[in-house]
Amino acid sequence: MVRPALRSRHLRRVKKRTPGGDLVVHYEKRRPGPARCARCGRPLNGVPRLRPNKLRGLSKTSKRPERPYGGVLCPQCLADLLRESIIGNQ
């Protein structure tokens, strides 16, 4: 029997084949939910769903889009925000 902490489903079960040919079960944390827009809550494209330790290994440009508010706002909200700021300045 596995440890009691591993019996719940808060960790996902991954079957791995060892070099000796055995099939063992590894327990790892689940993938996080998608990053969401700070304004409307829509899931963001271009932002990977990875745990922080895996995200650290990626380059800066693969963590989020290369544009203003990339990884924070969706393109529609960014366009609305830019329109509001331009109209507000006139």
Protein backbone atom coordinates (compact mmCIF):
# COMPACT_ATOMS: atom_id res chain seq x y z
CA MET A 1 0.00 0.00 0.00
CA VAL A 2 1.24 3.47 -0.81
CA ARG A 3 1.69 6.23 1.73
CA PRO A 4 -1.63 7.68 2.95
CA ALA A 5 -0.72 11.13 1.56
CA LEU A 6 -0.45 9.64 -1.94
CA ARG A 7 -3.81 7.86 -1.83
CA SER A 8 -5.82 11.02 -2.48
CA ARG A 9 -6.15 12.41 -5.99
CA HIS A 10 -4.51 15.78 -5.29
CA LEU A 11 -1.41 14.36 -7.01
CA ARG A 12 -1.69 12.91 -10.49
CA ARG A 13 -0.44 9.40 -11.20
CA VAL A 14 2.04 8.93 -14.02
CA LYS A 15 3.13 5.46 -15.10
CA LYS A 16 6.86 5.30 -15.86
CA ARG A 17 8.90 2.43 -17.25
CA THR A 18 12.18 1.95 -15.37
CA PRO A 19 15.44 0.87 -17.02
CA GLY A 20 14.92 -2.58 -15.48
CA GLY A 21 11.64 -2.95 -17.38
CA ASP A 22 9.28 -2.52 -14.41
CA LEU A 23 6.25 -0.24 -14.60
CA VAL A 24 6.10 2.06 -11.57
CA VAL A 25 3.74 4.85 -10.59
CA HIS A 26 5.19 8.32 -9.98
CA TYR A 27 3.12 10.99 -8.25
CA GLU A 28 3.42 14.58 -9.44
CA LYS A 29 1.53 17.82 -8.91
CA ARG A 30 -1.20 18.58 -11.39
CA ARG A 31 -0.94 21.20 -14.14
CA PRO A 32 -2.23 24.63 -13.14
CA GLY A 33 -5.25 26.19 -14.79
CA PRO A 34 -4.78 28.58 -17.70
CA ALA A 35 -3.59 32.15 -17.10
CA ARG A 36 -6.55 34.52 -17.31
CA CYS A 37 -7.05 38.10 -18.43
CA ALA A 38 -6.97 40.54 -15.50
CA ARG A 39 -9.84 42.54 -16.95
CA CYS A 40 -12.37 40.09 -18.44
CA GLY A 41 -11.19 36.70 -17.12
CA ARG A 42 -10.80 35.08 -20.56
CA PRO A 43 -8.00 32.45 -20.81
CA LEU A 44 -4.82 33.93 -22.31
CA ASN A 45 -3.22 32.49 -25.43
CA GLY A 46 0.55 32.22 -25.58
CA VAL A 47 1.02 31.64 -21.84
CA PRO A 48 2.01 28.03 -21.04
CA ARG A 49 0.22 26.03 -18.36
CA LEU A 50 3.27 24.93 -16.39
CA ARG A 51 4.29 24.73 -12.77
CA PRO A 52 6.66 27.51 -11.63
CA ASN A 53 9.75 25.27 -11.52
CA LYS A 54 9.20 24.24 -15.17
CA LEU A 55 8.34 27.81 -16.17
CA ARG A 56 11.68 29.04 -14.84
CA GLY A 57 13.52 27.00 -17.46
CA LEU A 58 11.74 28.68 -20.39
CA SER A 59 12.97 31.76 -22.17
CA LYS A 60 11.29 35.08 -21.47
CA THR A 61 9.55 35.21 -24.85
CA SER A 62 8.03 31.75 -24.45
CA LYS A 63 6.52 32.64 -21.06
CA ARG A 64 4.27 35.38 -22.42
CA PRO A 65 3.54 37.37 -25.63
CA GLU A 66 5.90 40.18 -26.62
CA ARG A 67 3.51 43.13 -26.53
CA PRO A 68 2.30 45.67 -23.96
CA TYR A 69 0.51 43.91 -21.08
CA GLY A 70 1.52 40.54 -22.58
CA GLY A 71 0.52 37.76 -20.19
CA VAL A 72 -1.80 40.11 -18.27
CA LEU A 73 -4.49 41.28 -20.71
CA CYS A 74 -6.10 39.54 -23.66
CA PRO A 75 -5.77 41.25 -27.07
CA GLN A 76 -9.38 42.50 -27.03
CA CYS A 77 -9.01 44.16 -23.62
CA LEU A 78 -5.68 45.66 -24.66
CA ALA A 79 -7.29 47.15 -27.80
CA ASP A 80 -10.14 48.58 -25.67
CA LEU A 81 -7.65 50.01 -23.18
CA LEU A 82 -5.58 51.65 -25.93
CA ARG A 83 -8.72 53.11 -27.55
CA GLU A 84 -9.84 54.54 -24.20
CA SER A 85 -6.43 56.07 -23.52
CA ILE A 86 -6.26 57.66 -27.00
CA ILE A 87 -9.80 59.04 -26.79
CA GLY A 88 -9.15 60.27 -23.24
CA ASN A 89 -6.05 62.21 -24.33
CA GLN A 90 -7.88 64.18 -27.04
